[in-house]
Protein backbone atom coordinates (compact mmCIF):
# COMPACT_ATOMS: atom_id res chain seq x y z
CA UNK A 1 74.67 107.06 148.78
CA UNK A 2 71.13 107.71 149.95
CA UNK A 3 68.38 105.96 148.04
CA UNK A 4 66.07 108.36 146.22
CA UNK A 5 62.28 108.18 146.16
CA UNK A 6 62.46 107.42 142.46
CA UNK A 7 64.72 104.43 143.06
CA UNK A 8 62.36 103.17 145.75
CA UNK A 9 59.41 103.53 143.38
CA UNK A 10 61.18 101.51 140.67
CA UNK A 11 62.00 98.79 143.19
CA UNK A 12 58.37 98.62 144.35
CA UNK A 13 57.17 98.54 140.75
CA UNK A 14 59.44 95.62 139.86
CA UNK A 15 58.64 93.71 143.04
CA UNK A 16 54.89 94.04 142.55
CA UNK A 17 55.14 93.21 138.86
CA UNK A 18 56.96 89.99 139.76
CA UNK A 19 54.33 89.06 142.34
CA UNK A 20 51.41 89.45 139.93
CA UNK A 21 53.23 87.91 136.97
CA UNK A 22 54.25 84.80 138.93
CA UNK A 23 51.31 84.66 141.37
CA UNK A 24 48.47 85.26 138.95
CA UNK A 25 50.46 83.39 136.32
CA UNK A 26 50.52 80.29 138.54
CA UNK A 27 46.70 80.37 138.65
CA UNK A 28 46.51 80.59 134.87
CA UNK A 29 49.09 77.82 134.47
CA UNK A 30 47.13 75.68 136.90
CA UNK A 31 43.98 76.26 134.87
CA UNK A 32 45.68 75.48 131.57
CA UNK A 33 47.31 72.31 132.90
CA UNK A 34 44.12 70.94 134.39
CA UNK A 35 45.10 71.54 138.00
CA UNK A 36 48.71 70.33 137.91
CA UNK A 37 49.94 73.01 140.34
CA UNK A 38 47.04 72.85 142.78
CA UNK A 39 46.55 75.05 145.80
CA UNK A 40 49.96 74.16 147.23
CA UNK A 41 51.72 75.12 144.02
CA UNK A 42 49.85 78.42 143.79
CA UNK A 43 50.62 79.21 147.43
CA UNK A 44 54.31 78.46 146.93
CA UNK A 45 54.46 80.54 143.75
CA UNK A 46 53.19 83.58 145.65
CA UNK A 47 55.19 82.92 148.81
CA UNK A 48 58.48 82.25 147.08
CA UNK A 49 58.11 85.32 144.89
CA UNK A 50 57.49 87.49 147.93
CA UNK A 51 60.39 85.91 149.84
CA UNK A 52 62.84 86.48 147.01
CA UNK A 53 61.68 89.95 145.94
CA UNK A 54 61.43 91.32 149.49
CA UNK A 55 64.96 90.08 150.11
CA UNK A 56 66.13 91.58 146.81
CA UNK A 57 64.69 95.07 147.25
CA UNK A 58 64.40 95.31 151.03
CA UNK A 59 67.55 97.44 151.27
CA UNK A 60 66.20 99.82 148.63
CA UNK A 61 62.54 100.41 149.48
CA UNK A 62 61.80 98.14 152.42
CA UNK A 63 60.19 95.63 150.06
CA UNK A 64 56.56 96.49 150.75
CA UNK A 65 55.18 95.24 147.38
CA UNK A 66 51.70 95.83 148.82
CA UNK A 67 49.62 98.98 149.46
CA UNK A 68 48.30 97.41 152.68
CA UNK A 69 51.85 97.03 154.01
CA UNK A 70 52.66 100.61 153.02
CA UNK A 71 49.45 101.77 154.71
CA UNK A 72 50.37 99.99 157.95
CA UNK A 73 53.89 101.44 157.84
CA UNK A 74 52.43 104.90 157.22
CA UNK A 75 49.97 104.54 160.12
CA UNK A 76 52.93 103.72 162.36
CA UNK A 77 54.70 106.88 161.20
CA UNK A 78 57.54 104.97 159.55
CA UNK A 79 57.13 106.47 156.09
CA UNK A 80 56.30 110.06 154.99
CA UNK A 81 52.92 110.65 153.38
CA UNK A 82 54.37 111.74 150.03
CA UNK A 83 56.57 108.66 149.81
CA UNK A 84 53.68 106.39 150.78
CA UNK A 85 51.62 107.80 147.90
CA UNK A 86 54.52 107.20 145.50
CA UNK A 87 54.76 103.61 146.75
CA UNK A 88 51.04 103.08 146.17
CA UNK A 89 51.22 104.38 142.61
CA UNK A 90 54.28 102.25 141.85
CA UNK A 91 52.67 99.14 143.33
CA UNK A 92 49.40 99.56 141.44
CA UNK A 93 51.27 100.25 138.19
CA UNK A 94 53.46 97.20 138.77
CA UNK A 95 50.42 95.04 139.39
CA UNK A 96 48.81 96.20 136.17
CA UNK A 97 51.99 95.69 134.16
CA UNK A 98 52.45 92.19 135.57
CA UNK A 99 48.90 91.26 134.58
CA UNK A 100 49.29 92.71 131.07
CA UNK A 101 52.38 90.56 130.51
CA UNK A 102 50.30 87.43 131.14
CA UNK A 103 47.80 88.13 128.36
CA UNK A 104 49.98 87.03 125.40
CA UNK A 105 51.16 83.92 127.28
CA UNK A 106 47.75 82.28 127.80
CA UNK A 107 44.86 81.73 125.43
CA UNK A 108 41.56 83.56 125.84
CA UNK A 109 39.75 80.49 127.17
CA UNK A 110 42.28 80.01 129.97
CA UNK A 111 42.31 83.70 130.83
CA UNK A 112 38.53 83.81 131.08
CA UNK A 113 38.23 80.59 133.10
CA UNK A 114 40.83 81.80 135.62
CA UNK A 115 39.68 85.45 135.45
CA UNK A 116 43.31 86.35 134.62
CA UNK A 117 44.25 85.22 138.13
CA UNK A 118 42.07 87.87 139.78
CA UNK A 119 41.18 86.93 143.39
CA UNK A 120 37.48 86.16 143.70
CA UNK A 121 35.15 85.12 146.50
CA UNK A 122 34.62 81.37 146.63
CA UNK A 123 31.20 79.95 145.93
CA UNK A 124 28.81 80.64 148.77
CA UNK A 125 31.23 82.90 150.66
CA UNK A 126 29.36 85.98 151.96
CA UNK A 127 30.91 89.37 151.29
CA UNK A 128 31.26 90.09 155.02
CA UNK A 129 33.15 86.85 155.52
CA UNK A 130 35.39 87.75 152.62
CA UNK A 131 36.26 91.11 154.17
CA UNK A 132 36.96 89.46 157.53
CA UNK A 133 39.16 86.78 155.98
CA UNK A 134 41.18 89.34 154.02
CA UNK A 135 41.48 91.54 157.11
CA UNK A 136 42.82 88.72 159.29
CA UNK A 137 45.20 87.33 156.69
CA UNK A 138 46.60 90.79 155.98
CA UNK A 139 46.88 91.45 159.71
CA UNK A 140 49.14 88.41 160.08
CA UNK A 141 51.19 89.49 157.08
CA UNK A 142 51.73 93.08 158.18
CA UNK A 143 52.38 92.04 161.78
CA UNK A 144 55.19 89.77 160.57
CA UNK A 145 56.53 92.56 158.32
CA UNK A 146 56.78 94.79 161.39
CA UNK A 147 58.27 92.07 163.57
CA UNK A 148 60.94 91.06 161.06
CA UNK A 149 61.65 94.10 158.90
CA UNK A 150 60.47 97.29 160.64
CA UNK A 151 61.53 96.51 164.20
CA UNK A 152 65.30 96.94 164.34
CA UNK A 153 65.44 93.97 166.72
CA UNK A 154 63.75 91.75 164.11
CA UNK A 155 65.28 88.93 162.09
CA UNK A 156 65.18 90.52 158.63
CA UNK A 157 68.96 90.75 158.26
CA UNK A 158 69.24 87.07 159.17
CA UNK A 159 66.43 85.55 157.13
CA UNK A 160 65.57 88.25 154.61
CA UNK A 161 62.02 88.00 153.32
CA UNK A 162 61.63 84.29 154.13
CA UNK A 163 59.23 84.77 157.04
CA UNK A 164 57.14 87.28 155.09
CA UNK A 165 56.92 84.92 152.14
CA UNK A 166 55.89 82.07 154.40
CA UNK A 167 52.99 84.12 155.80
CA UNK A 168 51.74 84.64 152.26
CA UNK A 169 52.08 80.90 151.67
CA UNK A 170 50.14 79.77 154.74
CA UNK A 171 47.50 82.45 154.22
CA UNK A 172 46.85 81.19 150.68
CA UNK A 173 46.75 77.57 151.84
CA UNK A 174 43.93 78.49 154.19
CA UNK A 175 42.23 81.41 152.49
CA UNK A 176 42.74 80.66 148.82
CA UNK A 177 39.47 78.77 148.44
CA UNK A 178 37.59 81.48 150.36
CA UNK A 179 38.74 84.73 148.78
CA UNK A 180 41.79 83.96 146.68
CA UNK A 181 43.83 85.22 149.66
CA UNK A 182 44.90 88.46 148.05
CA UNK A 183 46.05 90.37 151.17
CA UNK A 184 47.11 93.04 148.72
CA UNK A 185 45.04 95.62 146.79
CA UNK A 186 47.63 95.69 144.00
CA UNK A 187 47.45 91.90 143.63
CA UNK A 188 43.71 92.24 142.89
CA UNK A 189 43.76 95.58 141.08
CA UNK A 190 46.31 94.62 138.41
CA UNK A 191 44.47 91.61 136.93
CA UNK A 192 41.09 93.27 137.49
CA UNK A 193 42.11 96.30 135.43
CA UNK A 194 43.84 94.26 132.73
CA UNK A 195 41.00 91.75 132.39
CA UNK A 196 37.94 93.71 133.49
CA UNK A 197 37.06 91.50 136.48
CA UNK A 198 35.63 93.78 139.17
CA UNK A 199 33.26 91.49 141.13
CA UNK A 200 33.37 92.45 144.84
CA UNK A 201 36.52 94.45 144.12
CA UNK A 202 36.05 96.69 147.14
CA UNK A 203 36.48 93.64 149.43
CA UNK A 204 40.12 93.48 148.37
CA UNK A 205 40.71 97.06 149.43
CA UNK A 206 38.62 97.19 152.60
CA UNK A 207 39.88 93.96 154.14
CA UNK A 208 43.62 94.34 153.48
CA UNK A 209 43.76 98.05 154.35
CA UNK A 210 41.91 97.43 157.63
CA UNK A 211 44.24 94.55 158.42
CA UNK A 212 47.29 96.66 157.62
CA UNK A 213 46.00 99.50 159.74
CA UNK A 214 45.32 97.26 162.74
CA UNK A 215 48.66 95.48 162.53
CA UNK A 216 50.62 98.70 162.09
CA UNK A 217 48.83 100.47 164.92
CA UNK A 218 49.07 97.49 167.27
CA UNK A 219 52.71 96.67 166.70
CA UNK A 220 53.89 100.27 166.82
CA UNK A 221 51.90 101.10 169.97
CA UNK A 222 52.62 97.90 171.91
CA UNK A 223 56.08 96.78 170.80
CA UNK A 224 57.75 99.92 169.45
CA UNK A 225 56.31 102.45 171.89
CA UNK A 226 59.35 102.66 174.19
CA UNK A 227 61.69 102.82 171.25
């Protein structure tokens, strides 16, 4: 039976909700515990969630869980415009819902100190550097999505979302202190809307969308052209 657009939207909503609930939640838990999780724990929380959820819903929606991924796939002509818009709405709604679910679990002091897990520029990091970092990290992510999941020759059927989750992990290990390593407008939008934290918010749209566009255009034109 063919998967409907509605089913795909629900899958993207659930996948994105899980990412924000676990990812942003790991930042709040780290704050509340006095740093028990650390950067490695936060990176693994995000990466493992992506690996599991992409594997779980990949056969339904492709497991984008990220407007920047959907944008790159759309640029490459691998998803219709209407469906891409539905994905975006589902992802943003899922991000918001995931952030809302964190509010009753953590006290106000923890939520404020961690900005509800909203990615923020590190101290002294210029805005331009933040955009560049988000662009490059998202480029790596979307490139791997294409290489493993979009390209029919890729390894997605063999390793599921593992490689995609590992990109998120290594990006956070490097970029977490710089920008929070969002790589995902929904990852930033959900906590920002739920908590009201909008500082440099546009960075987390401009960088990831540009990275997704470049990766999608490059992979489709260089590696998928003859196919």
